[in-house]
Amino acid sequence: MTIARDAAADGVSDGLPKDHGFREAGVMNSQKPEQRRSRPVVLTSREDSDGFRCVDVFVRADETFGFKEFRRDPEDAGQWTLAGDFSRLVYPTKDDALRAATENISWFAAISKTS
């Protein structure tokens, strides 16, 4: 003999009491393989001597290059903040992207001469 259970009637769903203190939520995961392939990959991250500014040079999925400028302030708890978004500019090589960064970001030009 089989007894059918009515989960709604007894307050149990999926093995948990109906009022179990959790809410159902969708999980967003930006680490899906198709997203990893389409996101740029940082090849070089160069900081100033104080560690408060940096330039990231990256390669895109289409094998072009670009760069972004970031800053880190104590009041931001050490988090990097986008200071200059040059990602719309496209370069055929990493060296071309680095050269463009020195032309567009004065502090980066100064440290690039010394390194």
N, C-alpha and C. Protein backbone atom coordinates (compact mmCIF):
# COMPACT_ATOMS: atom_id res chain seq x y z
N MET A 1 0.83 -1.16 0.00
CA MET A 1 0.00 0.00 0.00
C MET A 1 0.88 1.24 0.00
N THR A 2 0.59 2.23 -0.85
CA THR A 2 1.33 3.47 -0.93
C THR A 2 0.48 4.59 -0.38
N ILE A 3 1.10 5.38 0.46
CA ILE A 3 0.38 6.52 1.03
C ILE A 3 0.89 7.79 0.34
N ALA A 4 0.03 8.53 -0.25
CA ALA A 4 0.39 9.78 -0.91
C ALA A 4 0.47 10.88 0.13
N ARG A 5 1.54 11.66 0.03
CA ARG A 5 1.72 12.78 0.95
C ARG A 5 1.33 14.08 0.27
N ASP A 6 0.69 14.91 0.96
CA ASP A 6 0.36 16.24 0.47
C ASP A 6 1.28 17.21 1.19
N ALA A 7 2.40 17.60 0.51
CA ALA A 7 3.41 18.46 1.12
C ALA A 7 2.83 19.80 1.55
N ALA A 8 1.92 20.33 0.77
CA ALA A 8 1.32 21.62 1.13
C ALA A 8 0.50 21.49 2.40
N ALA A 9 -0.13 20.35 2.56
CA ALA A 9 -1.00 20.17 3.73
C ALA A 9 -0.19 19.99 5.00
N ASP A 10 0.98 19.31 4.92
CA ASP A 10 1.71 19.08 6.16
C ASP A 10 2.85 20.09 6.38
N GLY A 11 2.96 21.09 5.50
CA GLY A 11 3.94 22.16 5.71
C GLY A 11 5.36 21.76 5.40
N VAL A 12 5.57 20.71 4.65
CA VAL A 12 6.92 20.27 4.29
C VAL A 12 7.07 20.34 2.78
N SER A 13 8.17 20.92 2.35
CA SER A 13 8.46 21.02 0.93
C SER A 13 9.95 20.75 0.74
N ASP A 14 10.29 19.88 -0.16
CA ASP A 14 11.68 19.53 -0.43
C ASP A 14 12.43 19.10 0.82
N GLY A 15 11.74 18.46 1.74
CA GLY A 15 12.39 17.96 2.94
C GLY A 15 12.57 18.99 4.03
N LEU A 16 12.22 20.24 3.79
CA LEU A 16 12.36 21.28 4.79
C LEU A 16 10.99 21.76 5.22
N PRO A 17 10.84 22.12 6.48
CA PRO A 17 9.57 22.68 6.90
C PRO A 17 9.25 23.92 6.06
N LYS A 18 7.97 24.15 5.85
CA LYS A 18 7.53 25.26 5.01
C LYS A 18 8.12 26.59 5.47
N ASP A 19 8.15 26.84 6.75
CA ASP A 19 8.68 28.08 7.29
C ASP A 19 10.07 27.80 7.87
N HIS A 20 11.05 27.58 7.01
CA HIS A 20 12.38 27.16 7.45
C HIS A 20 13.37 28.31 7.56
N GLY A 21 12.96 29.56 7.33
CA GLY A 21 13.83 30.70 7.53
C GLY A 21 14.69 31.06 6.34
N PHE A 22 14.56 30.38 5.23
CA PHE A 22 15.32 30.68 4.04
C PHE A 22 14.39 31.16 2.94
N ARG A 23 14.92 32.02 2.09
CA ARG A 23 14.17 32.43 0.92
C ARG A 23 14.84 31.81 -0.29
N GLU A 24 14.05 31.45 -1.26
CA GLU A 24 14.61 30.92 -2.49
C GLU A 24 15.25 32.07 -3.24
N ALA A 25 16.44 31.84 -3.77
CA ALA A 25 17.15 32.89 -4.50
C ALA A 25 17.84 32.30 -5.70
N GLY A 26 17.89 33.07 -6.74
CA GLY A 26 18.65 32.67 -7.92
C GLY A 26 20.12 32.99 -7.69
N VAL A 27 20.99 32.16 -8.17
CA VAL A 27 22.42 32.38 -8.01
C VAL A 27 22.98 32.92 -9.31
N MET A 28 23.70 34.03 -9.21
CA MET A 28 24.34 34.61 -10.38
C MET A 28 25.82 34.28 -10.29
N ASN A 29 26.34 33.65 -11.29
CA ASN A 29 27.73 33.24 -11.30
C ASN A 29 28.41 33.81 -12.54
N SER A 30 29.32 34.74 -12.35
CA SER A 30 30.01 35.35 -13.49
C SER A 30 31.17 34.48 -13.97
N GLN A 31 31.31 33.32 -13.40
CA GLN A 31 32.41 32.45 -13.78
C GLN A 31 31.99 31.35 -14.75
N LYS A 32 30.92 31.58 -15.49
CA LYS A 32 30.52 30.61 -16.50
C LYS A 32 31.58 30.57 -17.59
N PRO A 33 31.90 29.41 -18.13
CA PRO A 33 32.97 29.30 -19.14
C PRO A 33 32.81 30.26 -20.31
N GLU A 34 31.60 30.44 -20.81
CA GLU A 34 31.43 31.33 -21.96
C GLU A 34 31.70 32.79 -21.59
N GLN A 35 31.50 33.16 -20.33
CA GLN A 35 31.80 34.52 -19.91
C GLN A 35 33.29 34.70 -19.70
N ARG A 36 33.98 33.70 -19.17
CA ARG A 36 35.43 33.80 -18.98
C ARG A 36 36.12 34.01 -20.31
N ARG A 37 35.65 33.33 -21.34
CA ARG A 37 36.29 33.46 -22.65
C ARG A 37 36.08 34.83 -23.25
N SER A 38 34.99 35.50 -22.91
CA SER A 38 34.69 36.79 -23.52
C SER A 38 35.24 37.97 -22.71
N ARG A 39 35.70 37.73 -21.50
CA ARG A 39 36.22 38.82 -20.67
C ARG A 39 37.71 39.03 -20.95
N PRO A 40 38.15 40.29 -20.95
CA PRO A 40 39.59 40.56 -21.13
C PRO A 40 40.42 39.94 -20.01
N VAL A 41 41.65 39.60 -20.33
CA VAL A 41 42.57 39.02 -19.36
C VAL A 41 43.72 40.01 -19.15
N VAL A 42 43.96 40.38 -17.89
CA VAL A 42 45.03 41.32 -17.57
C VAL A 42 46.37 40.62 -17.74
N LEU A 43 47.24 41.25 -18.53
CA LEU A 43 48.58 40.70 -18.78
C LEU A 43 49.63 41.38 -17.91
N THR A 44 49.46 42.68 -17.69
CA THR A 44 50.42 43.47 -16.94
C THR A 44 49.67 44.46 -16.06
N SER A 45 50.11 44.58 -14.83
CA SER A 45 49.56 45.58 -13.92
C SER A 45 50.75 46.30 -13.30
N ARG A 46 50.92 47.55 -13.67
CA ARG A 46 52.06 48.33 -13.18
C ARG A 46 51.58 49.42 -12.24
N GLU A 47 52.17 49.42 -11.03
CA GLU A 47 51.80 50.40 -10.00
C GLU A 47 52.86 51.49 -9.90
N ASP A 48 52.44 52.66 -9.38
CA ASP A 48 53.41 53.70 -9.05
C ASP A 48 54.15 53.27 -7.79
N SER A 49 55.20 54.00 -7.42
CA SER A 49 56.03 53.60 -6.28
C SER A 49 55.28 53.64 -4.94
N ASP A 50 54.23 54.47 -4.86
CA ASP A 50 53.44 54.55 -3.63
C ASP A 50 52.38 53.45 -3.54
N GLY A 51 52.09 52.79 -4.65
CA GLY A 51 51.07 51.74 -4.67
C GLY A 51 49.66 52.27 -4.67
N PHE A 52 49.48 53.55 -5.04
CA PHE A 52 48.15 54.16 -5.05
C PHE A 52 47.55 54.26 -6.45
N ARG A 53 48.36 54.05 -7.47
CA ARG A 53 47.85 54.11 -8.85
C ARG A 53 48.42 52.95 -9.64
N CYS A 54 47.65 52.47 -10.60
CA CYS A 54 48.16 51.40 -11.45
C CYS A 54 47.49 51.46 -12.82
N VAL A 55 48.16 50.84 -13.78
CA VAL A 55 47.63 50.68 -15.13
C VAL A 55 47.61 49.19 -15.42
N ASP A 56 46.46 48.69 -15.86
CA ASP A 56 46.32 47.30 -16.27
C ASP A 56 46.28 47.25 -17.79
N VAL A 57 47.13 46.43 -18.38
CA VAL A 57 47.09 46.17 -19.82
C VAL A 57 46.48 44.79 -19.99
N PHE A 58 45.50 44.69 -20.87
CA PHE A 58 44.77 43.44 -21.03
C PHE A 58 44.66 43.04 -22.49
N VAL A 59 44.37 41.76 -22.70
CA VAL A 59 44.09 41.23 -24.03
C VAL A 59 42.63 40.77 -24.06
N ARG A 60 41.99 41.08 -25.16
CA ARG A 60 40.59 40.70 -25.34
C ARG A 60 40.49 39.34 -26.04
N ALA A 61 39.30 38.79 -26.10
CA ALA A 61 39.07 37.51 -26.76
C ALA A 61 39.42 37.57 -28.24
N ASP A 62 39.30 38.76 -28.85
CA ASP A 62 39.63 38.89 -30.28
C ASP A 62 41.11 39.16 -30.52
N GLU A 63 41.92 39.03 -29.45
CA GLU A 63 43.37 39.18 -29.48
C GLU A 63 43.84 40.60 -29.74
N THR A 64 43.00 41.59 -29.42
CA THR A 64 43.43 42.97 -29.40
C THR A 64 43.73 43.36 -27.97
N PHE A 65 44.37 44.50 -27.77
CA PHE A 65 44.85 44.91 -26.46
C PHE A 65 44.26 46.25 -26.06
N GLY A 66 44.24 46.51 -24.77
CA GLY A 66 43.76 47.78 -24.25
C GLY A 66 44.32 48.00 -22.85
N PHE A 67 43.90 49.11 -22.22
CA PHE A 67 44.38 49.40 -20.87
C PHE A 67 43.35 50.23 -20.11
N LYS A 68 43.48 50.18 -18.77
CA LYS A 68 42.66 50.97 -17.86
C LYS A 68 43.56 51.50 -16.75
N GLU A 69 43.18 52.64 -16.20
CA GLU A 69 43.89 53.24 -15.08
C GLU A 69 43.04 53.10 -13.81
N PHE A 70 43.70 52.75 -12.70
CA PHE A 70 43.02 52.59 -11.42
C PHE A 70 43.74 53.39 -10.34
N ARG A 71 43.01 53.70 -9.27
CA ARG A 71 43.60 54.33 -8.09
C ARG A 71 43.11 53.59 -6.85
N ARG A 72 43.92 53.69 -5.79
CA ARG A 72 43.55 53.06 -4.52
C ARG A 72 43.73 54.11 -3.42
N ASP A 73 42.64 54.45 -2.75
CA ASP A 73 42.67 55.46 -1.71
C ASP A 73 42.41 54.83 -0.36
N PRO A 74 43.06 55.34 0.70
CA PRO A 74 42.85 54.78 2.04
C PRO A 74 41.38 54.80 2.46
N GLU A 75 40.65 55.85 2.09
CA GLU A 75 39.24 55.92 2.49
C GLU A 75 38.37 54.90 1.78
N ASP A 76 38.89 54.28 0.73
CA ASP A 76 38.17 53.22 0.03
C ASP A 76 38.57 51.84 0.53
N ALA A 77 39.19 51.79 1.69
CA ALA A 77 39.64 50.54 2.31
C ALA A 77 40.57 49.74 1.40
N GLY A 78 41.36 50.45 0.62
CA GLY A 78 42.35 49.79 -0.22
C GLY A 78 41.82 49.16 -1.49
N GLN A 79 40.56 49.38 -1.81
CA GLN A 79 39.97 48.82 -3.03
C GLN A 79 40.42 49.64 -4.24
N TRP A 80 40.67 48.97 -5.35
CA TRP A 80 41.02 49.67 -6.58
C TRP A 80 39.76 50.25 -7.20
N THR A 81 39.87 51.51 -7.63
CA THR A 81 38.76 52.23 -8.25
C THR A 81 39.17 52.66 -9.65
N LEU A 82 38.31 52.47 -10.60
CA LEU A 82 38.59 52.89 -11.97
C LEU A 82 38.77 54.40 -12.01
N ALA A 83 39.91 54.85 -12.52
CA ALA A 83 40.21 56.28 -12.60
C ALA A 83 40.19 56.77 -14.04
N GLY A 84 40.52 55.89 -14.97
CA GLY A 84 40.53 56.25 -16.38
C GLY A 84 40.18 55.04 -17.22
N ASP A 85 39.05 55.10 -17.89
CA ASP A 85 38.62 53.96 -18.71
C ASP A 85 39.00 54.21 -20.17
N PHE A 86 40.08 53.60 -20.57
CA PHE A 86 40.56 53.72 -21.94
C PHE A 86 40.27 52.44 -22.73
N SER A 87 39.39 51.61 -22.19
CA SER A 87 39.14 50.29 -22.78
C SER A 87 38.49 50.35 -24.16
N ARG A 88 37.95 51.49 -24.53
CA ARG A 88 37.34 51.61 -25.86
C ARG A 88 38.41 51.70 -26.95
N LEU A 89 39.64 52.03 -26.55
CA LEU A 89 40.74 52.11 -27.51
C LEU A 89 41.28 50.71 -27.78
N VAL A 90 41.60 50.43 -29.02
CA VAL A 90 42.01 49.08 -29.43
C VAL A 90 43.41 49.14 -30.05
N TYR A 91 44.28 48.22 -29.61
CA TYR A 91 45.66 48.18 -30.09
C TYR A 91 46.01 46.77 -30.56
N PRO A 92 46.86 46.66 -31.59
CA PRO A 92 47.18 45.34 -32.13
C PRO A 92 48.19 44.55 -31.28
N THR A 93 48.98 45.25 -30.43
CA THR A 93 49.97 44.56 -29.61
C THR A 93 49.96 45.10 -28.18
N LYS A 94 50.54 44.34 -27.29
CA LYS A 94 50.68 44.76 -25.89
C LYS A 94 51.57 46.01 -25.82
N ASP A 95 52.66 46.01 -26.58
CA ASP A 95 53.57 47.17 -26.58
C ASP A 95 52.87 48.44 -27.05
N ASP A 96 52.00 48.32 -28.05
CA ASP A 96 51.25 49.48 -28.52
C ASP A 96 50.33 50.01 -27.43
N ALA A 97 49.70 49.11 -26.67
CA ALA A 97 48.83 49.52 -25.57
C ALA A 97 49.64 50.21 -24.47
N LEU A 98 50.80 49.68 -24.15
CA LEU A 98 51.67 50.31 -23.14
C LEU A 98 52.12 51.70 -23.61
N ARG A 99 52.49 51.80 -24.86
CA ARG A 99 52.91 53.09 -25.42
C ARG A 99 51.76 54.11 -25.33
N ALA A 100 50.56 53.69 -25.67
CA ALA A 100 49.39 54.58 -25.59
C ALA A 100 49.11 54.98 -24.14
N ALA A 101 49.31 54.07 -23.21
CA ALA A 101 49.11 54.41 -21.79
C ALA A 101 50.08 55.51 -21.37
N THR A 102 51.32 55.44 -21.81
CA THR A 102 52.28 56.49 -21.46
C THR A 102 51.92 57.82 -22.10
N GLU A 103 51.26 57.78 -23.25
CA GLU A 103 50.85 59.01 -23.92
C GLU A 103 49.60 59.63 -23.29
N ASN A 104 48.77 58.82 -22.65
CA ASN A 104 47.51 59.29 -22.10
C ASN A 104 47.51 59.53 -20.59
N ILE A 105 48.47 58.96 -19.88
CA ILE A 105 48.48 59.03 -18.41
C ILE A 105 49.84 59.58 -17.97
N SER A 106 49.87 60.83 -17.52
CA SER A 106 51.14 61.51 -17.25
C SER A 106 51.99 60.80 -16.18
N TRP A 107 51.39 60.39 -15.06
CA TRP A 107 52.18 59.72 -14.04
C TRP A 107 52.76 58.41 -14.54
N PHE A 108 52.04 57.74 -15.42
CA PHE A 108 52.53 56.47 -15.97
C PHE A 108 53.71 56.72 -16.91
N ALA A 109 53.64 57.80 -17.64
CA ALA A 109 54.77 58.17 -18.53
C ALA A 109 56.02 58.39 -17.70
N ALA A 110 55.87 59.05 -16.54
CA ALA A 110 57.02 59.34 -15.68
C ALA A 110 57.65 58.06 -15.13
N ILE A 111 56.82 57.10 -14.69
CA ILE A 111 57.43 55.87 -14.15
C ILE A 111 57.91 54.95 -15.26
N SER A 112 57.37 55.06 -16.44
CA SER A 112 57.81 54.23 -17.56
C SER A 112 59.20 54.61 -18.03
N LYS A 113 59.57 55.87 -17.87
CA LYS A 113 60.91 56.35 -18.23
C LYS A 113 61.96 55.78 -17.30
N THR A 114 61.58 55.57 -16.03
CA THR A 114 62.54 55.09 -15.03
C THR A 114 62.62 53.58 -14.96
N SER A 115 61.66 52.88 -15.57
CA SER A 115 61.68 51.41 -15.45
C SER A 115 62.17 50.75 -16.71
